[in-house]
Amino acid sequence: MQSLKLIGKEGQITSARLAVLQGVHKSAVSNRTKKLLQKELIQVVQTADRREKLLELTDAGKSVLEESDKVLAEYLEKLMSEQVDDQEIDQFLVIFRKLSAIMKTDGV
């Protein structure tokens, strides 16, 4: 899922860049991409420079990511509604927005 998310975020990405982002060796990425290619969740795109190949999501890969995000959101919503009251959520949002603004001004 991490590979799919990174490929989706980047749009198109090389295997080498994917390895760097995941902090793993290129062979690990190679194994992961083979599995994703077999499941038709990603595809390889040739560039003008034939030595460089880019990975991108297929429509099936995009659907898997969307479904994953939906399931995660539903799980978090259920978890929050059962264990966190509305006042705590409001406090969290105020702090989160403040942190987000601080990070943006610091260039993070």
PDB file of N, CA and C in Angstrom:
ATOM      1  N   MET A   1       0.829  -1.194   0.000  1.00  0.00           N
ATOM      2  CA  MET A   1       0.000   0.000   0.000  1.00  0.00           C
ATOM      3  C   MET A   1       0.870   1.253   0.000  1.00  0.00           C
ATOM      4  N   GLN A   2       1.999   1.185   0.724  1.00  0.00           N
ATOM      5  CA  GLN A   2       2.871   2.350   0.754  1.00  0.00           C
ATOM      6  C   GLN A   2       3.382   2.678  -0.646  1.00  0.00           C
ATOM      7  N   SER A   3       3.749   1.660  -1.390  1.00  0.00           N
ATOM      8  CA  SER A   3       4.222   1.879  -2.761  1.00  0.00           C
ATOM      9  C   SER A   3       3.123   2.513  -3.603  1.00  0.00           C
ATOM     10  N   LEU A   4       1.918   1.984  -3.500  1.00  0.00           N
ATOM     11  CA  LEU A   4       0.798   2.543  -4.265  1.00  0.00           C
ATOM     12  C   LEU A   4       0.560   4.003  -3.898  1.00  0.00           C
ATOM     13  N   LYS A   5       0.596   4.299  -2.616  1.00  0.00           N
ATOM     14  CA  LYS A   5       0.359   5.670  -2.170  1.00  0.00           C
ATOM     15  C   LYS A   5       1.429   6.620  -2.702  1.00  0.00           C
ATOM     16  N   LEU A   6       2.682   6.179  -2.656  1.00  0.00           N
ATOM     17  CA  LEU A   6       3.758   7.032  -3.148  1.00  0.00           C
ATOM     18  C   LEU A   6       3.666   7.236  -4.656  1.00  0.00           C
ATOM     19  N   ILE A   7       3.373   6.178  -5.378  1.00  0.00           N
ATOM     20  CA  ILE A   7       3.228   6.294  -6.833  1.00  0.00           C
ATOM     21  C   ILE A   7       2.055   7.223  -7.151  1.00  0.00           C
ATOM     22  N   GLY A   8       0.964   7.047  -6.433  1.00  0.00           N
ATOM     23  CA  GLY A   8      -0.199   7.908  -6.642  1.00  0.00           C
ATOM     24  C   GLY A   8       0.101   9.360  -6.342  1.00  0.00           C
ATOM     25  N   LYS A   9       0.838   9.609  -5.270  1.00  0.00           N
ATOM     26  CA  LYS A   9       1.184  10.980  -4.883  1.00  0.00           C
ATOM     27  C   LYS A   9       2.096  11.629  -5.920  1.00  0.00           C
ATOM     28  N   GLU A  10       3.075  10.882  -6.404  1.00  0.00           N
ATOM     29  CA  GLU A  10       4.038  11.415  -7.361  1.00  0.00           C
ATOM     30  C   GLU A  10       3.477  11.490  -8.782  1.00  0.00           C
ATOM     31  N   GLY A  11       2.491  10.678  -9.086  1.00  0.00           N
ATOM     32  CA  GLY A  11       1.943  10.621 -10.444  1.00  0.00           C
ATOM     33  C   GLY A  11       2.720   9.635 -11.285  1.00  0.00           C
ATOM     34  N   GLN A  12       3.966   9.960 -11.538  1.00  0.00           N
ATOM     35  CA  GLN A  12       4.896   9.063 -12.212  1.00  0.00           C
ATOM     36  C   GLN A  12       6.208   9.124 -11.446  1.00  0.00           C
ATOM     37  N   ILE A  13       6.833   7.963 -11.281  1.00  0.00           N
ATOM     38  CA  ILE A  13       8.028   7.901 -10.443  1.00  0.00           C
ATOM     39  C   ILE A  13       8.943   6.787 -10.942  1.00  0.00           C
ATOM     40  N   THR A  14      10.240   6.980 -10.792  1.00  0.00           N
ATOM     41  CA  THR A  14      11.185   5.920 -11.140  1.00  0.00           C
ATOM     42  C   THR A  14      11.305   4.947  -9.968  1.00  0.00           C
ATOM     43  N   SER A  15      11.760   3.760 -10.258  1.00  0.00           N
ATOM     44  CA  SER A  15      11.984   2.772  -9.200  1.00  0.00           C
ATOM     45  C   SER A  15      13.038   3.269  -8.217  1.00  0.00           C
ATOM     46  N   ALA A  16      14.056   3.937  -8.735  1.00  0.00           N
ATOM     47  CA  ALA A  16      15.117   4.453  -7.865  1.00  0.00           C
ATOM     48  C   ALA A  16      14.569   5.475  -6.875  1.00  0.00           C
ATOM     49  N   ARG A  17      13.718   6.369  -7.355  1.00  0.00           N
ATOM     50  CA  ARG A  17      13.112   7.381  -6.474  1.00  0.00           C
ATOM     51  C   ARG A  17      12.193   6.717  -5.450  1.00  0.00           C
ATOM     52  N   LEU A  18      11.469   5.710  -5.877  1.00  0.00           N
ATOM     53  CA  LEU A  18      10.590   4.979  -4.969  1.00  0.00           C
ATOM     54  C   LEU A  18      11.408   4.313  -3.859  1.00  0.00           C
ATOM     55  N   ALA A  19      12.552   3.760  -4.219  1.00  0.00           N
ATOM     56  CA  ALA A  19      13.437   3.125  -3.228  1.00  0.00           C
ATOM     57  C   ALA A  19      13.912   4.150  -2.209  1.00  0.00           C
ATOM     58  N   VAL A  20      14.281   5.340  -2.683  1.00  0.00           N
ATOM     59  CA  VAL A  20      14.741   6.392  -1.783  1.00  0.00           C
ATOM     60  C   VAL A  20      13.619   6.807  -0.833  1.00  0.00           C
ATOM     61  N   LEU A  21      12.428   7.026  -1.366  1.00  0.00           N
ATOM     62  CA  LEU A  21      11.302   7.457  -0.535  1.00  0.00           C
ATOM     63  C   LEU A  21      10.919   6.414   0.504  1.00  0.00           C
ATOM     64  N   GLN A  22      11.093   5.143   0.161  1.00  0.00           N
ATOM     65  CA  GLN A  22      10.740   4.081   1.092  1.00  0.00           C
ATOM     66  C   GLN A  22      11.907   3.687   1.988  1.00  0.00           C
ATOM     67  N   GLY A  23      13.083   4.177   1.666  1.00  0.00           N
ATOM     68  CA  GLY A  23      14.251   3.857   2.473  1.00  0.00           C
ATOM     69  C   GLY A  23      14.657   2.394   2.376  1.00  0.00           C
ATOM     70  N   VAL A  24      14.511   1.828   1.188  1.00  0.00           N
ATOM     71  CA  VAL A  24      14.853   0.424   0.980  1.00  0.00           C
ATOM     72  C   VAL A  24      15.776   0.289  -0.230  1.00  0.00           C
ATOM     73  N   HIS A  25      16.338  -0.889  -0.389  1.00  0.00           N
ATOM     74  CA  HIS A  25      17.209  -1.176  -1.527  1.00  0.00           C
ATOM     75  C   HIS A  25      16.368  -1.316  -2.794  1.00  0.00           C
ATOM     76  N   LYS A  26      16.988  -1.042  -3.940  1.00  0.00           N
ATOM     77  CA  LYS A  26      16.274  -1.121  -5.218  1.00  0.00           C
ATOM     78  C   LYS A  26      15.688  -2.511  -5.467  1.00  0.00           C
ATOM     79  N   SER A  27      16.358  -3.560  -4.969  1.00  0.00           N
ATOM     80  CA  SER A  27      15.837  -4.916  -5.192  1.00  0.00           C
ATOM     81  C   SER A  27      14.505  -5.127  -4.481  1.00  0.00           C
ATOM     82  N   ALA A  28      14.342  -4.503  -3.329  1.00  0.00           N
ATOM     83  CA  ALA A  28      13.062  -4.604  -2.611  1.00  0.00           C
ATOM     84  C   ALA A  28      11.954  -3.943  -3.419  1.00  0.00           C
ATOM     85  N   VAL A  29      12.258  -2.783  -4.000  1.00  0.00           N
ATOM     86  CA  VAL A  29      11.281  -2.085  -4.831  1.00  0.00           C
ATOM     87  C   VAL A  29      10.972  -2.910  -6.070  1.00  0.00           C
ATOM     88  N   SER A  30      11.995  -3.530  -6.629  1.00  0.00           N
ATOM     89  CA  SER A  30      11.800  -4.364  -7.817  1.00  0.00           C
ATOM     90  C   SER A  30      10.806  -5.488  -7.527  1.00  0.00           C
ATOM     91  N   ASN A  31      10.962  -6.154  -6.393  1.00  0.00           N
ATOM     92  CA  ASN A  31      10.038  -7.228  -6.014  1.00  0.00           C
ATOM     93  C   ASN A  31       8.618  -6.696  -5.815  1.00  0.00           C
ATOM     94  N   ARG A  32       8.509  -5.558  -5.174  1.00  0.00           N
ATOM     95  CA  ARG A  32       7.183  -4.969  -4.929  1.00  0.00           C
ATOM     96  C   ARG A  32       6.513  -4.554  -6.232  1.00  0.00           C
ATOM     97  N   THR A  33       7.290  -3.930  -7.108  1.00  0.00           N
ATOM     98  CA  THR A  33       6.691  -3.473  -8.361  1.00  0.00           C
ATOM     99  C   THR A  33       6.281  -4.646  -9.247  1.00  0.00           C
ATOM    100  N   LYS A  34       7.040  -5.736  -9.197  1.00  0.00           N
ATOM    101  CA  LYS A  34       6.644  -6.927  -9.969  1.00  0.00           C
ATOM    102  C   LYS A  34       5.269  -7.411  -9.532  1.00  0.00           C
ATOM    103  N   LYS A  35       5.046  -7.445  -8.227  1.00  0.00           N
ATOM    104  CA  LYS A  35       3.754  -7.895  -7.714  1.00  0.00           C
ATOM    105  C   LYS A  35       2.637  -6.938  -8.120  1.00  0.00           C
ATOM    106  N   LEU A  36       2.918  -5.639  -8.041  1.00  0.00           N
ATOM    107  CA  LEU A  36       1.905  -4.652  -8.416  1.00  0.00           C
ATOM    108  C   LEU A  36       1.614  -4.694  -9.915  1.00  0.00           C
ATOM    109  N   LEU A  37       2.649  -4.964 -10.719  1.00  0.00           N
ATOM    110  CA  LEU A  37       2.454  -5.111 -12.161  1.00  0.00           C
ATOM    111  C   LEU A  37       1.619  -6.346 -12.470  1.00  0.00           C
ATOM    112  N   GLN A  38       1.887  -7.441 -11.779  1.00  0.00           N
ATOM    113  CA  GLN A  38       1.131  -8.677 -11.993  1.00  0.00           C
ATOM    114  C   GLN A  38      -0.342  -8.484 -11.645  1.00  0.00           C
ATOM    115  N   LYS A  39      -0.598  -7.697 -10.617  1.00  0.00           N
ATOM    116  CA  LYS A  39      -1.979  -7.440 -10.202  1.00  0.00           C
ATOM    117  C   LYS A  39      -2.617  -6.315 -11.018  1.00  0.00           C
ATOM    118  N   GLU A  40      -1.840  -5.765 -11.961  1.00  0.00           N
ATOM    119  CA  GLU A  40      -2.285  -4.688 -12.849  1.00  0.00           C
ATOM    120  C   GLU A  40      -2.734  -3.433 -12.092  1.00  0.00           C
ATOM    121  N   LEU A  41      -2.028  -3.148 -10.984  1.00  0.00           N
ATOM    122  CA  LEU A  41      -2.311  -1.953 -10.202  1.00  0.00           C
ATOM    123  C   LEU A  41      -1.427  -0.789 -10.625  1.00  0.00           C
ATOM    124  N   ILE A  42      -0.280  -1.109 -11.258  1.00  0.00           N
ATOM    125  CA  ILE A  42       0.598  -0.088 -11.810  1.00  0.00           C
ATOM    126  C   ILE A  42       0.977  -0.486 -13.230  1.00  0.00           C
ATOM    127  N   GLN A  43       1.545   0.476 -13.953  1.00  0.00           N
ATOM    128  CA  GLN A  43       2.053   0.193 -15.290  1.00  0.00           C
ATOM    129  C   GLN A  43       3.362   0.947 -15.476  1.00  0.00           C
ATOM    130  N   VAL A  44       4.145   0.470 -16.424  1.00  0.00           N
ATOM    131  CA  VAL A  44       5.420   1.107 -16.757  1.00  0.00           C
ATOM    132  C   VAL A  44       5.215   1.999 -17.961  1.00  0.00           C
ATOM    133  N   VAL A  45       5.728   3.211 -17.868  1.00  0.00           N
ATOM    134  CA  VAL A  45       5.619   4.182 -18.944  1.00  0.00           C
ATOM    135  C   VAL A  45       7.025   4.476 -19.465  1.00  0.00           C
ATOM    136  N   GLN A  46       7.214   4.319 -20.760  1.00  0.00           N
ATOM    137  CA  GLN A  46       8.503   4.642 -21.382  1.00  0.00           C
ATOM    138  C   GLN A  46       8.598   6.151 -21.577  1.00  0.00           C
ATOM    139  N   THR A  47       9.781   6.677 -21.368  1.00  0.00           N
ATOM    140  CA  THR A  47      10.020   8.094 -21.609  1.00  0.00           C
ATOM    141  C   THR A  47      10.806   8.241 -22.907  1.00  0.00           C
ATOM    142  N   ALA A  48      11.073   9.476 -23.276  1.00  0.00           N
ATOM    143  CA  ALA A  48      11.870   9.721 -24.482  1.00  0.00           C
ATOM    144  C   ALA A  48      13.254   9.080 -24.346  1.00  0.00           C
ATOM    145  N   ASP A  49      13.777   9.114 -23.127  1.00  0.00           N
ATOM    146  CA  ASP A  49      15.040   8.431 -22.829  1.00  0.00           C
ATOM    147  C   ASP A  49      14.691   6.980 -22.513  1.00  0.00           C
ATOM    148  N   ARG A  50      14.917   6.080 -23.430  1.00  0.00           N
ATOM    149  CA  ARG A  50      14.481   4.678 -23.295  1.00  0.00           C
ATOM    150  C   ARG A  50      15.078   3.975 -22.082  1.00  0.00           C
ATOM    151  N   ARG A  51      16.137   4.541 -21.523  1.00  0.00           N
ATOM    152  CA  ARG A  51      16.745   3.918 -20.334  1.00  0.00           C
ATOM    153  C   ARG A  51      15.907   4.163 -19.088  1.00  0.00           C
ATOM    154  N   GLU A  52      15.135   5.225 -19.113  1.00  0.00           N
ATOM    155  CA  GLU A  52      14.329   5.572 -17.941  1.00  0.00           C
ATOM    156  C   GLU A  52      12.901   5.049 -18.106  1.00  0.00           C
ATOM    157  N   LYS A  53      12.439   4.369 -17.078  1.00  0.00           N
ATOM    158  CA  LYS A  53      11.063   3.873 -17.064  1.00  0.00           C
ATOM    159  C   LYS A  53      10.371   4.454 -15.837  1.00  0.00           C
ATOM    160  N   LEU A  54       9.172   4.922 -16.049  1.00  0.00           N
ATOM    161  CA  LEU A  54       8.394   5.497 -14.954  1.00  0.00           C
ATOM    162  C   LEU A  54       7.253   4.565 -14.576  1.00  0.00           C
ATOM    163  N   LEU A  55       6.936   4.561 -13.307  1.00  0.00           N
ATOM    164  CA  LEU A  55       5.808   3.780 -12.806  1.00  0.00           C
ATOM    165  C   LEU A  55       4.648   4.728 -12.558  1.00  0.00           C
ATOM    166  N   GLU A  56       3.446   4.281 -12.904  1.00  0.00           N
ATOM    167  CA  GLU A  56       2.252   5.064 -12.610  1.00  0.00           C
ATOM    168  C   GLU A  56       1.100   4.114 -12.294  1.00  0.00           C
ATOM    169  N   LEU A  57       0.109   4.635 -11.597  1.00  0.00           N
ATOM    170  CA  LEU A  57      -1.056   3.828 -11.249  1.00  0.00           C
ATOM    171  C   LEU A  57      -1.922   3.565 -12.469  1.00  0.00           C
ATOM    172  N   THR A  58      -2.529   2.389 -12.486  1.00  0.00           N
ATOM    173  CA  THR A  58      -3.573   2.105 -13.469  1.00  0.00           C
ATOM    174  C   THR A  58      -4.897   2.536 -12.847  1.00  0.00           C
ATOM    175  N   ASP A  59      -5.962   2.442 -13.601  1.00  0.00           N
ATOM    176  CA  ASP A  59      -7.281   2.747 -13.035  1.00  0.00           C
ATOM    177  C   ASP A  59      -7.594   1.812 -11.875  1.00  0.00           C
ATOM    178  N   ALA A  60      -7.202   0.544 -12.000  1.00  0.00           N
ATOM    179  CA  ALA A  60      -7.419  -0.422 -10.913  1.00  0.00           C
ATOM    180  C   ALA A  60      -6.628  -0.009  -9.677  1.00  0.00           C
ATOM    181  N   GLY A  61      -5.402   0.469  -9.870  1.00  0.00           N
ATOM    182  CA  GLY A  61      -4.576   0.928  -8.748  1.00  0.00           C
ATOM    183  C   GLY A  61      -5.192   2.131  -8.064  1.00  0.00           C
ATOM    184  N   LYS A  62      -5.725   3.041  -8.864  1.00  0.00           N
ATOM    185  CA  LYS A  62      -6.398   4.219  -8.301  1.00  0.00           C
ATOM    186  C   LYS A  62      -7.619   3.804  -7.488  1.00  0.00           C
ATOM    187  N   SER A  63      -8.354   2.810  -7.988  1.00  0.00           N
ATOM    188  CA  SER A  63      -9.538   2.318  -7.272  1.00  0.00           C
ATOM    189  C   SER A  63      -9.157   1.686  -5.940  1.00  0.00           C
ATOM    190  N   VAL A  64      -8.074   0.914  -5.943  1.00  0.00           N
ATOM    191  CA  VAL A  64      -7.609   0.282  -4.702  1.00  0.00           C
ATOM    192  C   VAL A  64      -7.231   1.354  -3.684  1.00  0.00           C
ATOM    193  N   LEU A  65      -6.536   2.386  -4.131  1.00  0.00           N
ATOM    194  CA  LEU A  65      -6.154   3.478  -3.224  1.00  0.00           C
ATOM    195  C   LEU A  65      -7.380   4.196  -2.676  1.00  0.00           C
ATOM    196  N   GLU A  66      -8.327   4.488  -3.540  1.00  0.00           N
ATOM    197  CA  GLU A  66      -9.551   5.172  -3.102  1.00  0.00           C
ATOM    198  C   GLU A  66     -10.298   4.329  -2.069  1.00  0.00           C
ATOM    199  N   GLU A  67     -10.412   3.038  -2.338  1.00  0.00           N
ATOM    200  CA  GLU A  67     -11.110   2.143  -1.404  1.00  0.00           C
ATOM    201  C   GLU A  67     -10.372   2.067  -0.075  1.00  0.00           C
ATOM    202  N   SER A  68      -9.054   1.996  -0.132  1.00  0.00           N
ATOM    203  CA  SER A  68      -8.237   1.957   1.082  1.00  0.00           C
ATOM    204  C   SER A  68      -8.443   3.223   1.907  1.00  0.00           C
ATOM    205  N   ASP A  69      -8.411   4.374   1.255  1.00  0.00           N
ATOM    206  CA  ASP A  69      -8.619   5.651   1.948  1.00  0.00           C
ATOM    207  C   ASP A  69     -10.013   5.709   2.564  1.00  0.00           C
ATOM    208  N   LYS A  70     -10.994   5.203   1.839  1.00  0.00           N
ATOM    209  CA  LYS A  70     -12.378   5.200   2.330  1.00  0.00           C
ATOM    210  C   LYS A  70     -12.509   4.328   3.573  1.00  0.00           C
ATOM    211  N   VAL A  71     -11.938   3.131   3.514  1.00  0.00           N
ATOM    212  CA  VAL A  71     -12.013   2.217   4.661  1.00  0.00           C
ATOM    213  C   VAL A  71     -11.302   2.820   5.865  1.00  0.00           C
ATOM    214  N   LEU A  72     -10.137   3.410   5.643  1.00  0.00           N
ATOM    215  CA  LEU A  72      -9.388   4.031   6.733  1.00  0.00           C
ATOM    216  C   LEU A  72     -10.176   5.190   7.344  1.00  0.00           C
ATOM    217  N   ALA A  73     -10.773   6.021   6.504  1.00  0.00           N
ATOM    218  CA  ALA A  73     -11.559   7.155   6.997  1.00  0.00           C
ATOM    219  C   ALA A  73     -12.750   6.674   7.823  1.00  0.00           C
ATOM    220  N   GLU A  74     -13.422   5.629   7.346  1.00  0.00           N
ATOM    221  CA  GLU A  74     -14.563   5.085   8.087  1.00  0.00           C
ATOM    222  C   GLU A  74     -14.120   4.516   9.431  1.00  0.00           C
ATOM    223  N   TYR A  75     -12.990   3.827   9.437  1.00  0.00           N
ATOM    224  CA  TYR A  75     -12.473   3.258  10.684  1.00  0.00           C
ATOM    225  C   TYR A  75     -12.126   4.364  11.681  1.00  0.00           C
ATOM    226  N   LEU A  76     -11.432   5.404  11.207  1.00  0.00           N
ATOM    227  CA  LEU A  76     -11.063   6.505  12.095  1.00  0.00           C
ATOM    228  C   LEU A  76     -12.290   7.246  12.608  1.00  0.00           C
ATOM    229  N   GLU A  77     -13.268   7.424  11.732  1.00  0.00           N
ATOM    230  CA  GLU A  77     -14.505   8.095  12.147  1.00  0.00           C
ATOM    231  C   GLU A  77     -15.206   7.294  13.250  1.00  0.00           C
ATOM    232  N   LYS A  78     -15.269   5.996  13.077  1.00  0.00           N
ATOM    233  CA  LYS A  78     -15.898   5.139  14.083  1.00  0.00           C
ATOM    234  C   LYS A  78     -15.115   5.184  15.390  1.00  0.00           C
ATOM    235  N   LEU A  79     -13.819   5.091  15.287  1.00  0.00           N
ATOM    236  CA  LEU A  79     -12.958   5.127  16.462  1.00  0.00           C
ATOM    237  C   LEU A  79     -13.113   6.442  17.206  1.00  0.00           C
ATOM    238  N   MET A  80     -13.110   7.526  16.448  1.00  0.00           N
ATOM    239  CA  MET A  80     -13.241   8.844  17.068  1.00  0.00           C
ATOM    240  C   MET A  80     -14.609   9.023  17.715  1.00  0.00           C
ATOM    241  N   SER A  81     -15.657   8.602  17.042  1.00  0.00           N
ATOM    242  CA  SER A  81     -17.004   8.817  17.581  1.00  0.00           C
ATOM    243  C   SER A  81     -17.244   7.998  18.843  1.00  0.00           C
ATOM    244  N   GLU A  82     -16.563   6.879  18.963  1.00  0.00           N
ATOM    245  CA  GLU A  82     -16.747   6.026  20.139  1.00  0.00           C
ATOM    246  C   GLU A  82     -15.902   6.467  21.330  1.00  0.00           C
ATOM    247  N   GLN A  83     -14.775   7.121  21.085  1.00  0.00           N
ATOM    248  CA  GLN A  83     -13.843   7.376  22.177  1.00  0.00           C
ATOM    249  C   GLN A  83     -13.480   8.846  22.382  1.00  0.00           C
ATOM    250  N   VAL A  84     -13.922   9.720  21.483  1.00  0.00           N
ATOM    251  CA  VAL A  84     -13.562  11.128  21.592  1.00  0.00           C
ATOM    252  C   VAL A  84     -14.836  11.958  21.453  1.00  0.00           C
ATOM    253  N   ASP A  85     -15.026  12.893  22.407  1.00  0.00           N
ATOM    254  CA  ASP A  85     -16.241  13.704  22.309  1.00  0.00           C
ATOM    255  C   ASP A  85     -16.010  14.917  21.398  1.00  0.00           C
ATOM    256  N   ASP A  86     -17.092  15.603  21.074  1.00  0.00           N
ATOM    257  CA  ASP A  86     -17.046  16.711  20.118  1.00  0.00           C
ATOM    258  C   ASP A  86     -16.120  17.836  20.569  1.00  0.00           C
ATOM    259  N   GLN A  87     -16.104  18.127  21.864  1.00  0.00           N
ATOM    260  CA  GLN A  87     -15.241  19.195  22.380  1.00  0.00           C
ATOM    261  C   GLN A  87     -13.768  18.845  22.157  1.00  0.00           C
ATOM    262  N   GLU A  88     -13.400  17.598  22.373  1.00  0.00           N
ATOM    263  CA  GLU A  88     -12.012  17.165  22.162  1.00  0.00           C
ATOM    264  C   GLU A  88     -11.632  17.251  20.679  1.00  0.00           C
ATOM    265  N   ILE A  89     -12.571  16.917  19.810  1.00  0.00           N
ATOM    266  CA  ILE A  89     -12.314  17.014  18.369  1.00  0.00           C
ATOM    267  C   ILE A  89     -12.092  18.476  17.975  1.00  0.00           C
ATOM    268  N   ASP A  90     -12.921  19.377  18.514  1.00  0.00           N
ATOM    269  CA  ASP A  90     -12.759  20.804  18.230  1.00  0.00           C
ATOM    270  C   ASP A  90     -11.400  21.303  18.702  1.00  0.00           C
ATOM    271  N   GLN A  91     -10.973  20.893  19.899  1.00  0.00           N
ATOM    272  CA  GLN A  91      -9.664  21.292  20.423  1.00  0.00           C
ATOM    273  C   GLN A  91      -8.544  20.759  19.527  1.00  0.00           C
ATOM    274  N   PHE A  92      -8.668  19.517  19.105  1.00  0.00           N
ATOM    275  CA  PHE A  92      -7.670  18.917  18.227  1.00  0.00           C
ATOM    276  C   PHE A  92      -7.557  19.704  16.924  1.00  0.00           C
ATOM    277  N   LEU A  93      -8.697  20.046  16.337  1.00  0.00           N
ATOM    278  CA  LEU A  93      -8.689  20.777  15.067  1.00  0.00           C
ATOM    279  C   LEU A  93      -8.041  22.146  15.207  1.00  0.00           C
ATOM    280  N   VAL A  94      -8.283  22.830  16.307  1.00  0.00           N
ATOM    281  CA  VAL A  94      -7.664  24.140  16.539  1.00  0.00           C
ATOM    282  C   VAL A  94      -6.147  23.981  16.607  1.00  0.00           C
ATOM    283  N   ILE A  95      -5.678  22.994  17.371  1.00  0.00           N
ATOM    284  CA  ILE A  95      -4.237  22.763  17.510  1.00  0.00           C
ATOM    285  C   ILE A  95      -3.632  22.309  16.184  1.00  0.00           C
ATOM    286  N   PHE A  96      -4.322  21.430  15.475  1.00  0.00           N
ATOM    287  CA  PHE A  96      -3.824  20.936  14.185  1.00  0.00           C
ATOM    288  C   PHE A  96      -3.673  22.078  13.187  1.00  0.00           C
ATOM    289  N   ARG A  97      -4.658  22.938  13.119  1.00  0.00           N
ATOM    290  CA  ARG A  97      -4.596  24.069  12.189  1.00  0.00           C
ATOM    291  C   ARG A  97      -3.458  25.026  12.563  1.00  0.00           C
ATOM    292  N   LYS A  98      -3.267  25.220  13.858  1.00  0.00           N
ATOM    293  CA  LYS A  98      -2.179  26.085  14.319  1.00  0.00           C
ATOM    294  C   LYS A  98      -0.827  25.481  13.931  1.00  0.00           C
ATOM    295  N   LEU A  99      -0.653  24.191  14.164  1.00  0.00           N
ATOM    296  CA  LEU A  99       0.593  23.516  13.782  1.00  0.00           C
ATOM    297  C   LEU A  99       0.810  23.565  12.275  1.00  0.00           C
ATOM    298  N   SER A 100      -0.246  23.368  11.524  1.00  0.00           N
ATOM    299  CA  SER A 100      -0.149  23.421  10.071  1.00  0.00           C
ATOM    300  C   SER A 100       0.316  24.794   9.605  1.00  0.00           C
ATOM    301  N   ALA A 101      -0.233  25.837  10.204  1.00  0.00           N
ATOM    302  CA  ALA A 101       0.159  27.206   9.845  1.00  0.00           C
ATOM    303  C   ALA A 101       1.622  27.465  10.211  1.00  0.00           C
ATOM    304  N   ILE A 102       2.052  26.968  11.355  1.00  0.00           N
ATOM    305  CA  ILE A 102       3.451  27.142  11.786  1.00  0.00           C
ATOM    306  C   ILE A 102       4.385  26.431  10.813  1.00  0.00           C
ATOM    307  N   MET A 103       4.025  25.224  10.431  1.00  0.00           N
ATOM    308  CA  MET A 103       4.874  24.450   9.527  1.00  0.00           C
ATOM    309  C   MET A 103       4.965  25.119   8.157  1.00  0.00           C
ATOM    310  N   LYS A 104       3.885  25.699   7.707  1.00  0.00           N
ATOM    311  CA  LYS A 104       3.898  26.373   6.399  1.00  0.00           C
ATOM    312  C   LYS A 104       4.794  27.605   6.438  1.00  0.00           C
ATOM    313  N   THR A 105       4.772  28.337   7.535  1.00  0.00           N
ATOM    314  CA  THR A 105       5.604  29.546   7.625  1.00  0.00           C
ATOM    315  C   THR A 105       7.074  29.190   7.777  1.00  0.00           C
ATOM    316  N   ASP A 106       7.383  27.997   8.310  1.00  0.00           N
ATOM    317  CA  ASP A 106       8.769  27.552   8.442  1.00  0.00           C
ATOM    318  C   ASP A 106       9.267  26.850   7.202  1.00  0.00           C
ATOM    319  N   GLY A 107       8.413  26.716   6.187  1.00  0.00           N
ATOM    320  CA  GLY A 107       8.821  26.085   4.936  1.00  0.00           C
ATOM    321  C   GLY A 107       8.883  24.571   5.000  1.00  0.00           C
ATOM    322  N   VAL A 108       8.215  23.980   5.974  1.00  0.00           N
ATOM    323  CA  VAL A 108       8.202  22.509   6.109  1.00  0.00           C
ATOM    324  C   VAL A 108       7.119  21.922   5.245  1.00  0.00           C
TER     325      VAL A 108
END
